[in-house]
Protein backbone atom coordinates (compact mmCIF):
# COMPACT_ATOMS: atom_id res chain seq x y z
CA MET A 1 -12.56 -11.76 17.56
CA ALA A 2 -11.05 -13.10 13.24
CA ARG A 3 -8.83 -11.68 12.91
CA ASN A 4 -10.18 -8.99 11.45
CA LYS A 5 -8.07 -8.49 14.37
CA ALA A 6 -9.07 -5.50 14.82
CA SER A 7 -12.08 -5.73 12.85
CA VAL A 8 -12.54 -8.95 14.80
CA ALA A 9 -12.88 -8.32 17.15
CA ALA A 10 -14.92 -5.70 15.78
CA SER A 11 -17.45 -5.12 18.12
CA LEU A 12 -17.97 -2.93 21.21
CA LEU A 13 -18.16 0.83 21.76
CA ALA A 14 -20.63 3.63 22.45
CA VAL A 15 -20.65 6.93 24.94
CA ALA A 16 -21.11 10.92 25.21
CA LEU A 17 -21.28 14.87 26.59
CA MET A 18 -19.70 18.34 25.38
CA ALA A 19 -16.48 20.65 25.19
CA SER A 20 -13.66 21.06 22.71
CA ALA A 21 -10.06 20.02 22.35
CA CYS A 22 -9.37 23.32 20.67
CA SER A 23 -11.09 25.30 23.41
CA GLY A 24 -9.48 23.61 26.38
CA GLY A 25 -11.89 20.78 27.34
CA LYS A 26 -10.34 17.90 29.26
CA PRO A 27 -9.42 14.81 27.25
CA ALA A 28 -10.73 11.45 28.32
CA THR A 29 -7.65 10.31 30.20
CA GLU A 30 -5.46 13.35 30.83
CA THR A 31 -5.95 16.32 33.11
CA ASN A 32 -4.03 18.67 30.82
CA PRO A 33 -4.79 18.32 27.12
CA ALA A 34 -2.00 18.92 24.65
CA GLN A 35 -2.20 22.40 23.15
CA ALA A 36 -1.00 22.86 19.60
CA SER A 37 -1.44 26.63 19.49
CA ASP A 38 -2.50 29.53 21.70
CA LYS A 39 -5.75 30.14 19.88
CA PRO A 40 -8.44 27.77 18.57
CA ALA A 41 -8.58 27.01 14.88
CA ASP A 42 -10.91 29.10 12.76
CA THR A 43 -14.37 27.57 12.29
CA SER A 44 -16.14 30.63 10.90
CA LYS A 45 -16.76 29.06 7.49
CA THR A 46 -19.45 26.36 7.22
CA ILE A 47 -18.04 23.16 5.71
CA GLU A 48 -19.92 20.09 4.48
CA ILE A 49 -18.45 16.74 5.57
CA SER A 50 -19.61 13.22 4.77
CA TRP A 51 -18.82 10.77 7.56
CA VAL A 52 -18.99 7.04 8.34
CA GLY A 53 -17.65 5.94 11.72
CA GLN A 54 -17.07 2.67 13.54
CA GLY A 55 -20.64 2.43 14.80
CA ALA A 56 -22.29 2.68 11.38
CA ARG A 57 -24.77 -0.18 10.93
CA GLY A 58 -27.07 1.36 8.35
CA LYS A 59 -29.62 2.68 10.87
CA VAL A 60 -28.43 6.24 11.49
CA GLU A 61 -31.06 8.96 11.16
CA ASP A 62 -30.28 12.35 9.67
CA ASN A 63 -30.25 15.36 11.97
CA ASN A 64 -29.69 13.10 14.98
CA LYS A 65 -28.73 14.71 18.28
CA VAL A 66 -25.02 13.87 18.11
CA GLN A 67 -24.93 15.28 14.60
CA GLN A 68 -26.63 18.47 15.81
CA MET A 69 -24.06 18.83 18.58
CA ILE A 70 -21.12 18.42 16.19
CA GLU A 71 -22.60 20.73 13.57
CA LYS A 72 -23.28 23.49 16.07
CA LYS A 73 -19.91 23.25 17.78
CA PHE A 74 -17.76 23.10 14.66
CA ASN A 75 -19.92 24.96 12.13
CA VAL A 76 -20.21 22.02 9.76
CA LYS A 77 -22.96 20.20 7.92
CA LEU A 78 -22.61 16.44 8.26
CA ALA A 79 -23.84 13.98 5.63
CA ASN A 80 -24.47 10.52 7.08
CA ARG A 81 -24.27 7.32 5.08
CA LYS A 82 -26.59 4.40 5.80
CA VAL A 83 -23.94 1.73 5.42
CA ASP A 84 -23.07 -1.18 7.67
CA VAL A 85 -19.30 -1.17 8.22
CA ASN A 86 -19.52 -4.81 9.28
CA ASN A 87 -20.82 -5.72 5.83
CA LYS A 88 -17.87 -6.18 3.47
CA GLU A 89 -20.03 -6.10 0.36
CA GLN A 90 -21.51 -2.75 1.30
CA LYS A 91 -18.10 -1.29 2.06
CA ASN A 92 -16.57 -2.63 -1.15
CA LEU A 93 -19.47 -1.23 -3.17
CA MET A 94 -19.05 2.14 -1.47
CA VAL A 95 -15.41 2.25 -2.57
CA ALA A 96 -15.95 0.81 -6.05
CA SER A 97 -18.74 3.26 -6.84
CA GLY A 98 -16.66 6.25 -5.81
CA GLU A 99 -19.01 6.95 -2.91
CA LEU A 100 -16.40 6.83 -0.16
CA PRO A 101 -17.26 9.60 2.31
CA ASP A 102 -14.80 12.32 3.32
CA ILE A 103 -13.83 10.31 6.39
CA ALA A 104 -14.61 6.61 6.75
CA PHE A 105 -14.00 3.68 9.05
CA ILE A 106 -12.78 1.00 6.66
CA ASP A 107 -10.40 -1.90 6.03
CA ALA A 108 -7.23 -2.02 3.91
CA PRO A 109 -6.29 1.65 4.39
CA GLU A 110 -2.84 1.28 2.83
CA LYS A 111 -4.25 -0.23 -0.35
CA LEU A 112 -6.82 2.55 -0.64
CA TYR A 113 -4.01 5.08 -0.42
CA ALA A 114 -1.88 3.18 -2.93
CA ASP A 115 -4.88 3.11 -5.28
CA ALA A 116 -5.23 6.90 -4.96
CA VAL A 117 -8.64 6.59 -3.36
CA THR A 118 -7.56 8.41 -0.21
CA ARG A 119 -5.13 11.17 0.74
CA SER A 120 -2.38 11.40 3.33
CA ILE A 121 -2.71 13.20 6.65
CA PRO A 122 0.25 15.43 7.63
CA LYS A 123 1.72 15.07 11.12
CA ASP A 124 1.81 18.82 11.64
CA MET A 125 -1.94 19.02 10.99
CA ILE A 126 -2.60 16.20 13.48
CA GLU A 127 -0.53 18.05 16.10
CA LYS A 128 -2.28 21.34 15.42
CA TYR A 129 -5.90 20.25 15.04
CA ALA A 130 -5.99 16.98 17.03
CA PRO A 131 -3.62 17.61 19.97
CA ASN A 132 -5.09 14.96 22.25
CA TYR A 133 -4.79 12.34 19.53
CA ALA A 134 -1.22 13.48 18.86
CA LYS A 135 -0.39 13.06 22.53
CA MET A 136 -1.83 9.54 22.52
CA LEU A 137 0.45 8.63 19.61
CA SER A 138 3.44 10.18 21.36
CA ASP A 139 2.75 8.17 24.51
CA GLN A 140 3.20 4.85 22.69
CA PRO A 141 6.55 3.57 21.32
CA THR A 142 4.95 2.70 17.99
CA GLY A 143 2.43 5.56 17.84
CA TRP A 144 3.91 7.83 15.19
CA LYS A 145 5.08 4.86 13.12
CA VAL A 146 1.64 3.31 12.63
CA ASN A 147 0.07 4.07 9.23
CA GLN A 148 3.03 6.15 8.08
CA VAL A 149 3.31 6.51 4.31
CA GLN A 150 6.39 4.67 3.14
CA GLY A 151 9.05 7.08 1.94
CA LYS A 152 7.12 10.15 3.11
CA GLU A 153 8.18 11.23 6.57
CA GLY A 154 5.38 12.84 8.57
CA GLN A 155 2.59 11.66 6.25
CA TYR A 156 -0.04 9.12 7.32
CA PHE A 157 -2.49 7.14 5.21
CA ALA A 158 -4.99 6.64 8.06
CA LEU A 159 -5.97 7.57 11.59
CA THR A 160 -5.76 4.62 13.93
CA GLY A 161 -7.74 3.31 16.89
CA PHE A 162 -6.25 2.22 20.19
CA LYS A 163 -7.41 -0.01 23.04
CA GLN A 164 -5.33 -0.78 26.08
CA GLU A 165 -7.18 -4.06 26.58
CA TRP A 166 -5.64 -5.38 23.35
CA GLU A 167 -2.37 -5.66 25.27
CA ASN A 168 -3.94 -8.38 27.42
CA LEU A 169 -5.16 -11.92 26.99
CA ILE A 170 -8.81 -11.57 26.01
CA TRP A 171 -9.90 -15.20 25.54
CA GLY A 172 -10.85 -17.83 28.06
CA GLN A 173 -12.87 -21.03 28.27
CA ALA A 174 -16.51 -21.14 29.41
CA TYR A 175 -17.94 -24.45 30.68
CA ARG A 176 -21.54 -25.25 31.63
CA LEU A 177 -21.09 -25.42 35.40
CA ASP A 178 -24.57 -26.83 35.93
CA TRP A 179 -23.61 -29.67 33.59
CA LEU A 180 -20.31 -30.19 35.40
CA GLU A 181 -22.21 -30.50 38.66
CA LYS A 182 -24.65 -32.98 37.14
CA VAL A 183 -21.91 -35.25 35.75
CA GLY A 184 -19.87 -35.00 38.96
CA ILE A 185 -16.83 -33.05 37.75
CA LYS A 186 -15.50 -30.44 40.17
CA PRO A 187 -13.84 -27.17 39.14
CA LYS A 188 -10.21 -26.56 40.07
CA GLY A 189 -8.89 -23.84 42.35
CA GLU A 190 -10.87 -21.16 44.15
CA VAL A 191 -14.19 -20.60 42.41
CA VAL A 192 -15.70 -17.12 42.81
CA PRO A 193 -18.86 -15.57 41.34
CA VAL A 194 -18.22 -12.90 38.72
CA GLY A 195 -21.13 -10.75 39.91
CA THR A 196 -24.19 -10.64 42.12
CA SER A 197 -27.12 -10.02 39.77
CA GLY A 198 -28.34 -9.89 36.18
CA GLY A 199 -27.11 -13.42 35.51
CA LEU A 200 -23.57 -12.69 36.66
CA GLU A 201 -24.30 -14.49 39.91
CA ARG A 202 -24.44 -17.65 37.78
CA ILE A 203 -21.06 -17.13 36.13
CA PHE A 204 -18.06 -18.21 38.17
CA PHE A 205 -14.32 -17.80 37.65
CA THR A 206 -11.25 -19.75 38.65
CA LYS A 207 -7.61 -19.08 37.82
CA GLN A 208 -7.00 -22.84 37.57
CA ALA A 209 -7.52 -24.14 34.03
CA PHE A 210 -8.30 -27.70 33.02
CA THR A 211 -5.74 -29.71 31.09
CA LEU A 212 -6.64 -31.16 27.70
CA ASP A 213 -6.88 -34.60 29.29
CA GLU A 214 -9.28 -33.27 31.91
CA GLU A 215 -11.22 -31.37 29.27
CA GLN A 216 -11.66 -34.53 27.19
CA LYS A 217 -13.30 -36.19 30.18
CA ILE A 218 -15.62 -33.21 30.37
CA PHE A 219 -16.46 -33.52 26.67
CA GLU A 220 -17.14 -37.22 27.08
CA ALA A 221 -19.50 -36.66 30.00
CA PHE A 222 -21.30 -33.81 28.23
CA VAL A 223 -21.91 -36.01 25.19
CA ASN A 224 -22.72 -39.33 26.85
CA ASN A 225 -24.23 -38.57 30.26
CA ASP A 226 -27.32 -36.58 29.23
CA PRO A 227 -26.35 -33.37 31.08
CA ASP A 228 -29.52 -31.54 29.99
CA GLY A 229 -31.72 -34.36 31.25
CA ASN A 230 -33.87 -34.67 28.14
CA GLY A 231 -33.17 -38.37 27.73
CA LYS A 232 -31.49 -37.85 24.35
CA LYS A 233 -27.88 -37.97 23.19
CA ASP A 234 -27.96 -34.57 21.53
CA THR A 235 -25.38 -32.45 23.36
CA TYR A 236 -21.75 -31.76 22.44
CA GLY A 237 -18.52 -30.48 23.86
CA LEU A 238 -16.82 -27.53 22.17
CA LEU A 239 -18.71 -24.99 20.05
CA LEU A 240 -17.29 -24.70 16.51
CA ASN A 241 -18.48 -23.10 13.28
CA ASN A 242 -17.32 -22.50 9.72
CA SER A 243 -17.26 -18.69 9.87
CA ASP A 244 -14.23 -18.25 12.05
CA ALA A 245 -13.09 -21.74 12.91
CA SER A 246 -9.56 -20.63 13.78
CA TRP A 247 -10.91 -18.20 16.36
CA ALA A 248 -13.54 -20.60 17.67
CA MET A 249 -10.65 -22.98 18.44
CA ASN A 250 -8.14 -20.35 19.53
CA THR A 251 -7.81 -21.50 23.12
CA GLU A 252 -7.56 -25.15 22.08
CA ALA A 253 -4.86 -24.16 19.59
CA GLY A 254 -3.05 -22.26 22.32
CA ALA A 255 -2.69 -25.50 24.24
CA PHE A 256 -0.41 -26.63 21.41
CA GLY A 257 1.66 -23.45 21.49
CA PHE A 258 1.32 -22.65 17.81
CA GLY A 259 -0.54 -19.36 17.93
CA VAL A 260 2.63 -17.72 16.67
CA ASP A 261 6.08 -18.38 15.26
CA ASP A 262 8.53 -20.29 17.41
CA ASN A 263 10.66 -17.23 18.32
CA THR A 264 13.81 -18.69 16.79
CA ARG A 265 12.99 -18.71 13.10
CA ILE A 266 10.30 -17.45 10.77
CA THR A 267 7.52 -19.90 10.05
CA ASP A 268 3.75 -19.95 9.83
CA TYR A 269 1.64 -21.81 12.37
CA ALA A 270 -0.23 -23.58 9.57
CA ILE A 271 2.84 -25.63 8.60
CA THR A 272 4.31 -26.29 12.04
CA GLN A 273 4.52 -29.63 13.75
CA ASN A 274 2.46 -28.19 16.61
CA TYR A 275 -0.36 -27.39 14.19
CA LYS A 276 -0.18 -30.91 12.83
CA GLU A 277 -0.56 -32.32 16.33
CA PHE A 278 -3.43 -29.92 17.00
CA LEU A 279 -5.31 -31.11 13.91
CA LYS A 280 -4.82 -34.73 14.93
CA TYR A 281 -6.16 -33.89 18.37
CA MET A 282 -9.23 -32.14 16.98
CA ALA A 283 -9.83 -35.03 14.59
CA SER A 284 -9.74 -37.41 17.54
CA LEU A 285 -12.35 -35.32 19.36
CA ASN A 286 -14.58 -35.43 16.31
CA LYS A 287 -14.12 -39.17 15.88
CA LYS A 288 -15.20 -39.69 19.49
CA GLY A 289 -18.37 -37.69 18.83
CA TYR A 290 -17.45 -34.76 21.07
CA ILE A 291 -17.90 -32.20 18.26
CA ASP A 292 -21.19 -31.32 16.59
CA PRO A 293 -21.07 -32.97 13.14
CA GLU A 294 -22.99 -29.99 11.74
CA PHE A 295 -20.22 -27.50 12.58
CA THR A 296 -18.97 -27.33 8.98
CA THR A 297 -22.39 -26.00 7.87
CA LEU A 298 -22.90 -23.55 10.73
CA ASN A 299 -21.91 -19.91 10.47
CA ARG A 300 -21.14 -17.94 13.61
CA ALA A 301 -24.72 -16.80 14.19
CA LYS A 302 -26.15 -20.32 13.77
CA SER A 303 -23.61 -21.82 16.16
CA TRP A 304 -24.50 -19.16 18.74
CA GLU A 305 -28.17 -20.05 18.27
CA LYS A 306 -27.42 -23.71 18.99
CA PHE A 307 -25.46 -22.69 22.06
CA ALA A 308 -28.46 -20.68 23.27
CA ALA A 309 -30.57 -23.79 22.66
CA GLY A 310 -28.38 -25.68 25.14
CA LYS A 311 -26.56 -27.95 22.70
CA TYR A 312 -22.94 -27.13 23.65
CA GLY A 313 -21.18 -27.42 26.97
CA VAL A 314 -18.00 -25.48 26.24
CA ALA A 315 -17.14 -22.35 24.27
CA GLN A 316 -14.20 -20.04 23.87
CA VAL A 317 -15.35 -16.55 24.91
CA GLN A 318 -13.91 -13.10 25.36
CA VAL A 319 -13.50 -11.75 28.87
CA GLN A 320 -16.21 -9.15 28.09
CA ALA A 321 -18.62 -11.97 27.24
CA ALA A 322 -17.84 -13.72 30.52
CA GLY A 323 -18.60 -10.42 32.24
CA MET A 324 -21.82 -10.05 30.24
CA VAL A 325 -21.21 -6.63 28.75
CA PRO A 326 -24.43 -5.82 26.83
CA PHE A 327 -22.95 -6.04 23.35
CA THR A 328 -22.20 -9.73 24.07
CA PHE A 329 -25.77 -10.72 24.97
CA ASN A 330 -26.21 -12.37 21.55
CA ARG A 331 -23.30 -14.78 22.08
CA PRO A 332 -22.07 -17.33 24.64
CA PRO A 333 -22.47 -17.39 27.55
CA GLY A 334 -24.90 -14.45 27.85
CA ASN A 335 -27.36 -15.67 25.23
CA LEU A 336 -28.05 -18.74 27.38
CA VAL A 337 -27.72 -17.14 30.81
CA LEU A 338 -30.43 -14.60 29.93
CA LYS A 339 -32.66 -17.32 28.47
CA GLU A 340 -32.23 -20.20 30.91
CA PRO A 341 -32.44 -19.28 34.63
CA ASN A 342 -30.86 -22.56 35.71
CA ALA A 343 -27.80 -22.29 33.46
CA LYS A 344 -24.50 -21.71 35.27
CA PHE A 345 -21.02 -21.25 33.84
CA LEU A 346 -17.43 -21.68 34.89
CA PHE A 347 -14.96 -19.32 33.19
CA THR A 348 -11.29 -20.29 33.24
CA PRO A 349 -8.01 -19.37 31.52
CA PRO A 350 -7.28 -21.33 28.32
CA PRO A 351 -6.76 -25.09 28.74
CA ILE A 352 -3.28 -26.50 29.37
CA GLY A 353 -1.70 -28.66 26.67
CA PHE A 354 0.12 -31.96 26.88
CA GLN A 355 3.48 -30.17 26.94
CA GLY A 356 2.33 -27.48 29.35
CA GLN A 357 1.54 -24.83 26.71
CA GLN A 358 -1.31 -22.46 27.43
CA GLY A 359 -2.68 -19.28 25.88
CA SER A 360 -4.25 -17.85 22.74
CA ALA A 361 -3.24 -15.59 19.89
CA ALA A 362 -3.02 -11.93 20.82
CA TYR A 363 -5.85 -9.80 19.47
CA THR A 364 -3.31 -7.56 17.73
CA PRO A 365 0.21 -8.73 16.78
CA VAL A 366 2.25 -5.90 18.32
CA ASP A 367 0.41 -3.33 20.45
CA GLY A 368 -2.95 -1.74 21.24
CA PHE A 369 -3.39 0.00 17.90
CA GLY A 370 -5.93 -1.27 15.41
CA TYR A 371 -8.65 -0.32 12.95
CA ALA A 372 -8.45 2.72 10.68
CA MET A 373 -10.30 5.77 9.44
CA VAL A 374 -9.26 7.19 6.08
CA ILE A 375 -9.64 10.57 4.38
CA LYS A 376 -10.98 10.70 0.82
CA LYS A 377 -8.58 11.83 -1.92
CA ASP A 378 -10.32 15.11 -2.79
CA VAL A 379 -10.61 16.42 0.79
CA SER A 380 -8.88 19.81 1.06
CA ASP A 381 -6.56 20.81 3.90
CA GLU A 382 -9.26 23.21 5.08
CA LYS A 383 -11.80 20.40 5.38
CA LEU A 384 -9.20 18.03 6.85
CA ALA A 385 -8.48 20.53 9.60
CA ARG A 386 -12.15 20.56 10.60
CA ILE A 387 -12.34 16.75 10.42
CA LEU A 388 -9.33 16.44 12.73
CA GLN A 389 -10.89 18.87 15.22
CA ILE A 390 -14.09 16.83 15.32
CA PHE A 391 -12.18 13.53 15.45
CA ASP A 392 -10.14 14.73 18.43
CA TYR A 393 -13.20 16.04 20.24
CA ILE A 394 -15.49 13.02 19.91
CA ASN A 395 -12.77 10.45 20.60
CA LEU A 396 -10.40 11.99 23.13
CA ASP A 397 -12.02 15.01 24.74
CA LYS A 398 -13.99 13.87 27.79
CA GLU A 399 -17.17 15.80 27.10
CA GLY A 400 -17.31 15.14 23.37
CA PHE A 401 -16.35 11.51 23.88
CA MET A 402 -19.16 10.90 26.35
CA LEU A 403 -21.88 12.53 24.28
CA SER A 404 -20.86 10.98 20.96
CA THR A 405 -20.24 7.51 22.41
CA PHE A 406 -22.94 7.12 25.06
CA GLY A 407 -25.38 9.98 24.64
CA GLU A 408 -26.77 12.13 27.44
CA GLU A 409 -26.39 11.05 31.04
CA GLY A 410 -29.75 10.20 32.57
CA THR A 411 -31.46 10.08 29.19
CA ASP A 412 -29.31 7.58 27.34
CA TYR A 413 -27.16 6.05 30.06
CA SER A 414 -26.42 5.80 33.74
CA TRP A 415 -23.40 4.64 35.72
CA GLU A 416 -23.04 1.17 37.17
CA GLY A 417 -21.22 2.60 40.18
CA GLU A 418 -19.41 5.88 40.84
CA ALA A 419 -19.86 8.34 37.99
CA GLY A 420 -16.79 8.56 35.78
CA LYS A 421 -15.12 5.59 37.44
CA SER A 422 -17.38 2.67 36.61
CA ALA A 423 -19.17 1.10 33.67
CA VAL A 424 -21.69 2.96 31.57
CA VAL A 425 -25.10 1.32 31.53
CA ALA A 426 -26.87 2.09 28.25
CA LYS A 427 -30.61 2.71 28.35
CA GLN A 428 -30.82 1.53 24.74
CA THR A 429 -29.36 -1.97 24.75
CA VAL A 430 -30.01 -2.50 21.04
CA GLU A 431 -27.15 -1.20 18.90
CA ALA A 432 -29.44 0.00 16.12
CA ASP A 433 -31.47 2.13 18.53
CA ARG A 434 -28.35 3.96 19.68
CA GLU A 435 -27.11 4.46 16.15
CA LYS A 436 -30.36 6.14 15.08
CA MET A 437 -29.50 8.96 17.47
CA GLY A 438 -25.91 9.07 16.21
CA ILE A 439 -24.58 7.49 19.40
CA GLY A 440 -21.39 5.65 18.50
CA TYR A 441 -21.91 6.29 14.78
CA TYR A 442 -19.13 8.84 14.26
CA ASN A 443 -16.51 7.44 16.61
CA MET A 444 -13.29 5.51 16.26
CA PRO A 445 -12.42 2.63 18.66
CA ILE A 446 -10.19 4.54 21.07
CA GLN A 447 -10.18 3.45 24.70
CA ARG A 448 -7.34 4.26 27.06
CA GLY A 449 -6.83 4.87 30.77
CA ASP A 450 -9.91 5.10 32.95
CA VAL A 451 -12.18 5.24 29.88
CA THR A 452 -11.72 1.48 29.50
CA ALA A 453 -13.81 1.02 32.65
CA TYR A 454 -16.78 2.68 30.94
CA PHE A 455 -17.07 -0.25 28.53
CA ASN A 456 -16.11 -3.03 30.89
CA ASN A 457 -18.52 -3.45 33.78
CA ALA A 458 -17.48 -4.36 37.30
CA ALA A 459 -17.50 -8.04 36.39
CA VAL A 460 -15.01 -7.56 33.56
CA GLY A 461 -12.95 -5.31 35.81
CA LYS A 462 -12.87 -8.07 38.40
CA LEU A 463 -11.77 -10.65 35.83
CA THR A 464 -9.14 -8.31 34.41
CA GLU A 465 -7.71 -7.41 37.80
CA SER A 466 -7.65 -11.00 38.99
CA PHE A 467 -6.09 -12.56 35.92
CA PHE A 468 -6.65 -11.35 32.37
CA GLY A 469 -5.00 -7.96 32.86
CA THR A 470 -2.18 -9.23 35.07
CA ASP A 471 1.33 -10.21 34.02
CA ALA A 472 0.30 -13.86 34.17
CA GLY A 473 -2.56 -13.24 31.77
CA ARG A 474 -0.59 -11.00 29.42
CA LYS A 475 2.14 -13.62 29.09
CA MET A 476 -0.44 -16.04 27.69
CA ALA A 477 -1.19 -13.76 24.74
CA TYR A 478 0.88 -15.28 21.94
CA ARG A 479 2.49 -12.76 19.60
CA PRO A 480 4.44 -13.28 16.37
CA PHE A 481 8.23 -13.52 16.35
CA LYS A 482 8.50 -10.95 13.55
CA TRP A 483 5.95 -8.62 12.00
CA ASP A 484 6.14 -6.09 9.18
CA TYR A 485 4.18 -3.53 11.13
CA PHE A 486 5.45 -0.49 9.30
CA ASN A 487 5.48 -1.81 5.75
CA GLN A 488 9.26 -1.98 5.50
CA THR A 489 9.11 -5.02 3.20
CA GLN A 490 6.88 -6.36 0.45
CA TYR A 491 5.09 -8.61 2.96
CA ASN A 492 1.67 -6.95 2.65
CA GLU A 493 1.84 -6.99 -1.14
CA LEU A 494 2.61 -10.70 -1.09
CA LYS A 495 -0.18 -11.33 1.42
CA THR A 496 -2.56 -9.53 -0.92
CA LYS A 497 -1.29 -11.58 -3.84
CA TYR A 498 -1.34 -15.00 -2.19
CA GLY A 499 -3.47 -14.58 0.94
CA ALA A 500 -6.81 -15.75 -0.44
CA LYS A 501 -5.33 -18.87 -2.02
CA LEU A 502 -3.38 -19.77 1.11
CA LYS A 503 -6.46 -19.30 3.27
CA THR A 504 -8.42 -21.64 1.00
CA ILE A 505 -5.69 -24.26 1.26
CA MET A 506 -5.58 -23.93 5.04
CA ASP A 507 -9.35 -23.94 5.55
CA GLU A 508 -9.89 -26.95 3.32
CA PHE A 509 -7.24 -28.95 5.11
CA LEU A 510 -8.53 -27.82 8.51
CA PHE A 511 -12.07 -29.04 7.86
CA LYS A 512 -11.03 -32.20 6.07
CA ALA A 513 -8.60 -33.05 8.85
CA ILE A 514 -11.10 -32.54 11.67
CA THR A 515 -13.91 -34.40 9.94
CA GLY A 516 -11.63 -37.30 9.04
CA GLU A 517 -11.95 -36.83 5.30
CA VAL A 518 -8.15 -36.92 5.16
CA ASP A 519 -5.65 -38.58 7.45
CA VAL A 520 -3.41 -35.84 8.84
CA ASP A 521 -0.24 -37.92 8.95
CA THR A 522 -0.71 -39.22 5.42
CA ALA A 523 -1.73 -35.92 3.83
CA TRP A 524 0.52 -33.57 5.80
CA ASP A 525 3.59 -33.44 3.53
CA ALA A 526 1.50 -32.78 0.42
CA TYR A 527 -0.45 -30.07 2.24
CA VAL A 528 2.73 -28.32 3.41
CA LYS A 529 4.26 -28.54 -0.06
CA ASN A 530 1.11 -27.04 -1.59
CA TRP A 531 1.10 -24.21 0.98
CA ARG A 532 4.76 -23.42 0.41
CA SER A 533 4.56 -23.51 -3.39
CA SER A 534 1.39 -21.39 -3.45
CA GLY A 535 3.20 -18.30 -2.21
CA GLY A 536 3.82 -19.32 1.37
CA ASP A 537 7.59 -19.55 1.00
CA GLU A 538 7.73 -16.13 -0.67
CA ILE A 539 5.78 -14.61 2.21
CA LEU A 540 8.01 -16.22 4.84
CA ALA A 541 11.16 -15.07 3.08
CA GLU A 542 9.87 -11.51 3.00
CA LEU A 543 8.79 -11.63 6.64
CA GLU A 544 12.34 -12.63 7.55
CA LYS A 545 13.33 -9.05 6.74
CA ALA A 546 10.85 -7.59 9.25
CA PRO A 547 11.77 -6.49 12.80
CA LYS A 548 11.19 -8.63 15.87
CA VAL A 549 7.95 -7.92 17.72
CA ALA A 550 9.86 -7.87 21.02
CA ASP A 551 11.94 -4.97 19.69
CA LEU A 552 8.89 -3.10 18.41
CA ARG A 553 7.29 -3.29 21.86
CA LYS A 554 10.27 -1.78 23.66
CA LYS A 555 9.66 1.65 25.14
């Protein structure tokens, strides 16, 4: 979930039906849509629009059924781009070659605007042509401040996504329960099955987490007691990889309380004493043989493959993965549950540290907003008006949202339970197959109110209601002390200037520390000095000028 924090987590979405925000259709979560004017906007003139949405994976087919619906309803001609928005090289090439579409789901929206690649979006046009989206922004304390052009009141450099679930803790710890049973270690607290079928009957949840001391005993047994019964010492404790090591260890890090600043002064977790102790702890696990020695050479996909091969006993997973939402079938624990009928899992909150700390970094630093769609520089107001109408319809109008995100009921999806109040069950479980038909291709990640249930099956709902969406769970989501959310300082410019170098310094020390190539105590001062002198101190000084996250979250 990298962060790409909102790229990270990058993942999810797809659903669909018909009706218009400008003609009075009901939005996804409100009974009375906001109305910007008494009459619908003019759509008599045919306009050509190139479009790349969140679900673009390079498989979309021209003249797909969602495209036909949009073209007919709004009198437009859509040009699709076969680009994978999860592929940075493809996206960078699209920008560098001047081939950015009229509206695109993309990273670094502020930089694109500063580089004159994209145009601003006026607030009055959002209110007039995307009333449901405007209402969503108005409902949140930060809504109309996100993506605002600095020094230009009422002008925005991007449209933003929103997910209510980003307000909650999303990470937990998954243990091989069948292995725990074999080595004689009992779960803590009341253990309940997450579901009754489809593999969910073999995933169990408890609100009682293990401590790090208890978890080490689990690692030791998983490594030394032949839990898979093959007579070989070839199993390990925690899954790690080199693609997103910081996220793969997020719950472990949370047990040291360093996922954020210390709420009294500005710092960076990577130079805190807590981080130092965390690295020493991870190095001790590696020295004891509890960590796969190949983790430094494994990317995310390869580490997931080894998990599916039964080589790891513990993994940090999202709550959606524990609930086996289809998009998570390629990752732990679903990739093993669906493959091995005897595999069972115990899902718990993050482990508890030696000083009682517990949690993980919040998916987004401040609120539920994340991701961006930008408008190309040469798009006229006339075309922008039509884009906003379509954007509002497919993301926040109930009928348009359902058809564009899930397809046609009965043909492309069914309901897990009561229609409109339960999870959507896609007939096409492969993402590429949905995209060919345009399903999910044009959308933005926007999920609020009862729509959230469409993506999170009953199992995820159960986990959310019992812990992850409760006050107890939310309090475990670590957030920064200060954050320059609205570009009031030069923080982002400094991050752009120094970010890559600092990440290299941090990653190198992380891997060297865990593998024992360097002694943490001996090398720590030099590492911190290098981090600070490589731009870190400049970034921290600038961040000192930013507002407190607690103040930004006040309603």
